[in-house]
N, C-alpha and C. Protein backbone atom coordinates (compact mmCIF):
# COMPACT_ATOMS: atom_id res chain seq x y z
N MET A 1 0.73 -1.11 -0.04
CA MET A 1 0.79 0.02 0.24
C MET A 1 0.64 1.20 0.00
N ASN A 2 0.95 1.88 -0.98
CA ASN A 2 1.47 3.33 -1.31
C ASN A 2 0.76 4.47 0.30
N THR A 3 1.74 4.67 1.44
CA THR A 3 1.61 5.49 2.00
C THR A 3 1.64 6.74 1.56
N SER A 4 2.59 7.07 0.78
CA SER A 4 2.56 8.79 0.27
C SER A 4 1.69 9.38 -0.24
N ALA A 5 0.33 8.96 -0.43
CA ALA A 5 -0.61 9.20 -1.13
C ALA A 5 -1.68 9.93 0.12
N LYS A 6 -1.58 11.40 -0.73
CA LYS A 6 -2.18 12.19 0.88
C LYS A 6 -3.42 12.30 0.37
N THR A 7 -4.71 12.75 1.18
CA THR A 7 -6.02 13.02 0.96
C THR A 7 -6.01 14.42 0.75
N PRO A 8 -7.39 15.04 -0.40
CA PRO A 8 -6.93 16.46 -0.48
C PRO A 8 -6.91 17.22 1.17
N GLU A 9 -6.61 18.08 0.95
CA GLU A 9 -6.53 19.09 2.15
C GLU A 9 -7.81 20.05 2.24
N LEU A 10 -8.32 20.45 1.15
CA LEU A 10 -9.36 21.12 0.51
C LEU A 10 -10.43 20.29 0.56
N THR A 11 -11.70 20.58 0.78
CA THR A 11 -13.06 20.07 0.18
C THR A 11 -13.34 20.37 -1.14
N LEU A 12 -14.05 19.90 -1.56
CA LEU A 12 -14.69 20.34 -2.88
C LEU A 12 -15.34 21.89 -3.29
N GLU A 13 -16.35 22.16 -1.85
CA GLU A 13 -16.40 23.28 -1.84
C GLU A 13 -15.34 24.26 -1.93
N GLU A 14 -14.49 23.92 -1.15
CA GLU A 14 -13.32 25.29 -0.69
C GLU A 14 -12.65 25.18 -1.95
N LEU A 15 -12.41 24.31 -2.94
CA LEU A 15 -11.80 24.03 -3.93
C LEU A 15 -12.63 25.02 -5.25
N GLU A 16 -13.60 24.52 -5.37
CA GLU A 16 -14.30 25.57 -6.15
C GLU A 16 -14.61 26.99 -5.61
N GLN A 17 -14.52 27.43 -4.89
CA GLN A 17 -14.75 29.13 -4.29
C GLN A 17 -13.51 29.38 -4.66
N ALA A 18 -12.24 28.28 -4.61
CA ALA A 18 -10.88 29.14 -4.89
C ALA A 18 -10.76 29.54 -6.07
N PHE A 19 -11.18 28.50 -7.30
CA PHE A 19 -11.01 28.36 -8.10
C PHE A 19 -12.47 30.11 -8.98
N ASN A 20 -13.09 29.97 -8.07
CA ASN A 20 -13.66 31.16 -8.81
C ASN A 20 -13.27 32.68 -8.09
N GLU A 21 -12.89 32.74 -6.97
CA GLU A 21 -11.63 33.77 -7.03
C GLU A 21 -10.97 34.03 -7.93
N LEU A 22 -9.78 32.76 -7.96
CA LEU A 22 -8.99 33.23 -9.53
C LEU A 22 -9.48 32.94 -10.70
N VAL A 23 -10.52 33.03 -10.93
CA VAL A 23 -11.35 33.64 -12.32
C VAL A 23 -11.71 34.91 -12.32
N VAL A 24 -12.10 35.66 -10.94
CA VAL A 24 -12.45 36.47 -11.20
C VAL A 24 -10.47 37.73 -11.24
N HIS A 25 -9.99 36.68 -10.39
CA HIS A 25 -8.64 37.72 -10.35
C HIS A 25 -8.45 37.85 -11.98
N PHE A 26 -8.38 36.84 -12.27
CA PHE A 26 -7.46 36.63 -14.10
C PHE A 26 -8.72 37.89 -15.11
N ASP A 27 -9.75 37.68 -14.47
CA ASP A 27 -10.60 38.14 -15.36
C ASP A 27 -10.61 39.96 -15.18
N ARG A 28 -10.33 40.42 -13.58
CA ARG A 28 -9.53 42.18 -13.36
C ARG A 28 -8.61 42.23 -14.50
N THR A 29 -7.10 41.22 -13.99
CA THR A 29 -6.23 41.34 -14.85
C THR A 29 -5.83 41.42 -15.92
N ALA A 30 -7.45 40.90 -16.67
CA ALA A 30 -7.21 40.81 -18.11
C ALA A 30 -7.72 42.31 -18.30
N ALA A 31 -8.69 42.78 -17.40
CA ALA A 31 -9.38 43.85 -18.05
C ALA A 31 -8.40 45.14 -17.79
N HIS A 32 -7.55 45.16 -16.82
CA HIS A 32 -6.25 46.24 -16.85
C HIS A 32 -5.24 45.99 -17.95
N LEU A 33 -4.84 44.62 -18.77
CA LEU A 33 -4.71 44.47 -19.52
C LEU A 33 -5.16 45.59 -20.78
N GLU A 34 -5.98 44.93 -20.85
CA GLU A 34 -6.86 45.71 -22.06
C GLU A 34 -6.64 47.26 -22.11
N GLN A 35 -6.75 47.59 -21.20
CA GLN A 35 -6.85 49.22 -21.03
C GLN A 35 -5.35 49.63 -21.11
N ALA A 36 -4.78 49.15 -20.48
CA ALA A 36 -3.04 49.90 -21.03
C ALA A 36 -2.95 49.36 -22.34
N THR A 37 -3.77 48.53 -23.20
CA THR A 37 -3.11 48.44 -24.05
C THR A 37 -4.02 49.34 -24.93
N LYS A 38 -5.20 49.67 -24.64
CA LYS A 38 -5.29 51.06 -25.33
C LYS A 38 -5.14 52.10 -25.30
N LEU A 39 -4.62 52.25 -23.75
CA LEU A 39 -3.87 53.61 -23.88
C LEU A 39 -2.34 53.76 -24.83
N ILE A 40 -1.65 52.99 -24.90
CA ILE A 40 -0.59 52.29 -25.52
C ILE A 40 -0.83 52.81 -26.84
N ALA A 41 -1.84 52.35 -27.54
CA ALA A 41 -2.29 52.22 -28.70
C ALA A 41 -2.65 53.59 -29.21
N LYS A 42 -3.31 54.17 -27.53
CA LYS A 42 -3.76 55.84 -28.32
C LYS A 42 -2.39 57.18 -28.37
N GLN A 43 -1.24 56.64 -27.17
CA GLN A 43 0.25 57.26 -27.08
C GLN A 43 0.67 57.15 -28.21
N GLY A 44 0.26 56.04 -29.04
CA GLY A 44 1.07 55.57 -30.28
C GLY A 44 0.39 56.70 -31.41
N GLN A 45 -0.87 56.75 -31.29
CA GLN A 45 -1.36 57.73 -32.31
C GLN A 45 -1.27 58.80 -32.50
N GLN A 46 -1.22 59.23 -31.00
CA GLN A 46 -0.81 60.77 -30.51
C GLN A 46 0.80 61.19 -31.03
N TYR A 47 1.71 60.21 -30.61
CA TYR A 47 2.96 60.21 -31.29
C TYR A 47 2.77 60.93 -33.13
N GLY A 48 2.49 59.78 -33.84
CA GLY A 48 2.09 60.07 -35.25
C GLY A 48 1.92 60.86 -35.46
N GLU A 49 0.66 61.80 -35.10
CA GLU A 49 0.03 63.08 -35.12
C GLU A 49 0.71 63.95 -34.72
N ALA A 50 1.71 63.86 -33.95
CA ALA A 50 3.03 65.07 -33.42
C ALA A 50 3.65 64.83 -34.27
N ILE A 51 4.23 63.84 -35.34
CA ILE A 51 5.15 63.64 -36.32
C ILE A 51 4.35 64.74 -37.24
N ALA A 52 3.52 64.45 -37.41
CA ALA A 52 2.95 64.76 -38.97
C ALA A 52 2.89 66.40 -38.78
N TRP A 53 2.15 66.70 -37.53
CA TRP A 53 2.51 68.54 -37.51
C TRP A 53 3.47 69.03 -37.06
N LEU A 54 4.74 68.26 -36.64
CA LEU A 54 6.03 68.82 -37.26
C LEU A 54 6.06 68.94 -38.29
N GLN A 55 5.79 67.93 -39.43
CA GLN A 55 6.26 67.87 -40.94
C GLN A 55 5.77 69.28 -41.62
N ASP A 56 4.32 69.30 -40.80
CA ASP A 56 3.34 70.32 -41.60
C ASP A 56 4.04 71.96 -41.60
N ILE A 57 4.43 71.80 -40.15
CA ILE A 57 5.14 73.16 -39.74
C ILE A 57 6.54 73.45 -40.26
N ARG A 58 7.23 72.02 -40.65
CA ARG A 58 8.50 72.50 -41.21
C ARG A 58 8.00 73.18 -43.49
N LYS A 59 6.95 72.62 -43.28
CA LYS A 59 6.42 72.69 -44.79
C LYS A 59 6.35 74.01 -45.20
N ALA A 60 5.13 74.76 -43.61
CA ALA A 60 5.18 76.02 -43.85
C ALA A 60 6.30 77.07 -43.52
N ALA A 61 6.96 76.37 -42.50
CA ALA A 61 8.18 77.27 -42.77
C ALA A 61 8.88 77.50 -43.60
N GLY A 62 9.14 76.35 -44.76
CA GLY A 62 9.69 76.46 -46.23
C GLY A 62 9.11 77.26 -46.92
N ALA A 63 7.78 77.10 -46.82
CA ALA A 63 7.19 78.11 -47.45
C ALA A 63 7.39 79.16 -47.59
N THR A 64 7.88 79.89 -46.83
CA THR A 64 8.50 81.43 -46.41
C THR A 64 9.34 81.36 -47.43
N ALA A 65 9.81 80.75 -47.92
CA ALA A 65 11.12 80.92 -48.87
C ALA A 65 10.79 81.53 -50.53
N PRO A 66 11.93 82.20 -50.81
CA PRO A 66 11.59 82.59 -51.61
C PRO A 66 11.08 82.23 -53.00
N GLY A 67 10.39 82.70 -53.72
CA GLY A 67 9.30 81.73 -54.78
C GLY A 67 7.94 81.40 -54.34
N THR A 68 7.78 81.53 -52.79
CA THR A 68 6.24 81.34 -52.65
C THR A 68 5.32 82.40 -52.78
N SER A 69 4.08 82.10 -52.80
CA SER A 69 3.25 83.36 -53.21
C SER A 69 2.59 83.55 -51.32
N HIS A 70 2.37 84.73 -51.89
CA HIS A 70 1.30 85.29 -50.27
C HIS A 70 0.36 84.39 -50.02
N GLN A 71 -0.15 84.39 -51.33
CA GLN A 71 -1.55 83.69 -50.92
C GLN A 71 -1.44 82.25 -50.81
N GLU A 72 -0.15 81.84 -51.55
CA GLU A 72 0.10 80.02 -51.11
C GLU A 72 0.62 79.89 -49.32
N LEU A 73 1.02 80.81 -49.00
CA LEU A 73 1.17 80.73 -47.96
C LEU A 73 0.14 80.80 -47.08
N CYS A 74 -0.87 81.71 -46.95
CA CYS A 74 -1.91 81.64 -46.18
C CYS A 74 -2.82 80.89 -46.89
N LEU A 75 -2.78 79.41 -47.58
CA LEU A 75 -3.61 78.49 -47.65
C LEU A 75 -2.89 77.91 -47.07
N ILE A 76 -1.52 77.68 -46.83
CA ILE A 76 -1.35 76.61 -45.71
C ILE A 76 -1.79 76.71 -44.10
N ILE A 77 -1.56 78.04 -44.20
CA ILE A 77 -2.01 78.03 -42.65
C ILE A 77 -3.38 77.88 -42.65
N LYS A 78 -3.95 78.47 -43.50
CA LYS A 78 -5.60 77.98 -43.13
C LYS A 78 -6.13 76.74 -43.18
N ASP A 79 -5.08 76.13 -44.25
CA ASP A 79 -5.43 74.41 -43.48
C ASP A 79 -4.90 73.81 -42.28
N LEU A 80 -3.93 74.65 -41.80
CA LEU A 80 -3.34 73.99 -40.71
C LEU A 80 -4.14 74.14 -39.67
N ARG A 81 -4.92 75.66 -39.93
CA ARG A 81 -5.87 76.06 -38.90
C ARG A 81 -7.04 75.18 -38.74
N ARG A 82 -7.52 74.26 -39.50
CA ARG A 82 -8.61 73.91 -39.95
C ARG A 82 -8.38 72.61 -39.14
N ARG A 83 -7.14 71.91 -39.63
CA ARG A 83 -7.11 70.59 -39.34
C ARG A 83 -6.62 70.62 -37.48
N ALA A 84 -6.16 71.68 -37.00
CA ALA A 84 -5.83 71.90 -35.35
C ALA A 84 -7.55 72.07 -34.95
N PHE A 85 -8.28 72.64 -35.61
CA PHE A 85 -9.96 72.57 -35.08
C PHE A 85 -10.23 71.79 -35.21
N GLU A 86 -10.12 70.71 -35.97
CA GLU A 86 -10.78 69.42 -36.17
C GLU A 86 -10.40 68.21 -35.12
N ASN A 87 -9.01 68.44 -35.18
CA ASN A 87 -8.12 67.52 -34.30
C ASN A 87 -8.85 67.97 -32.79
N GLU A 88 -8.98 69.08 -32.69
CA GLU A 88 -9.19 69.24 -31.08
C GLU A 88 -10.75 68.95 -30.77
N ALA A 89 -11.97 68.82 -31.70
CA ALA A 89 -12.86 68.58 -32.14
C ALA A 89 -12.89 67.21 -32.03
N ASN A 90 -12.16 66.43 -32.24
CA ASN A 90 -12.48 64.97 -32.30
C ASN A 90 -11.56 64.43 -30.41
N ASN A 91 -10.51 65.57 -29.96
CA ASN A 91 -9.89 64.91 -28.81
C ASN A 91 -11.78 64.96 -27.77
N LEU A 92 -12.25 66.01 -28.30
CA LEU A 92 -13.17 66.53 -27.11
C LEU A 92 -14.29 65.55 -27.08
N GLN A 93 -14.74 65.29 -28.40
CA GLN A 93 -15.40 64.18 -28.53
C GLN A 93 -15.03 62.86 -27.89
N GLU A 94 -13.85 62.19 -27.82
CA GLU A 94 -13.66 61.49 -27.56
C GLU A 94 -13.30 61.31 -25.95
N GLU A 95 -13.38 62.26 -25.29
CA GLU A 95 -13.47 62.21 -24.06
C GLU A 95 -14.66 62.19 -23.48
N HIS A 96 -15.78 62.66 -24.02
CA HIS A 96 -17.47 62.77 -23.65
C HIS A 96 -17.86 61.13 -24.29
């Protein structure tokens, strides 16, 4: 007879309770991971937008070079303002 075999120290009800607590803990951890992933994605999107804005600013600064008309410069500035307004409106919608 094998004397090293042990009987379980927990009852079936205690094991089920422990399993249920583990499931709840896992669900909460997965939800936190999902939220962190969304925040990382949003930061990546914001980084991309910042790079695009910097490129636009560089383009606008280059537009002041000789040979660029006043009208062309005004159109570039108007476009940048429109995009800034749309970007701000989108950010406000995401917050609400």
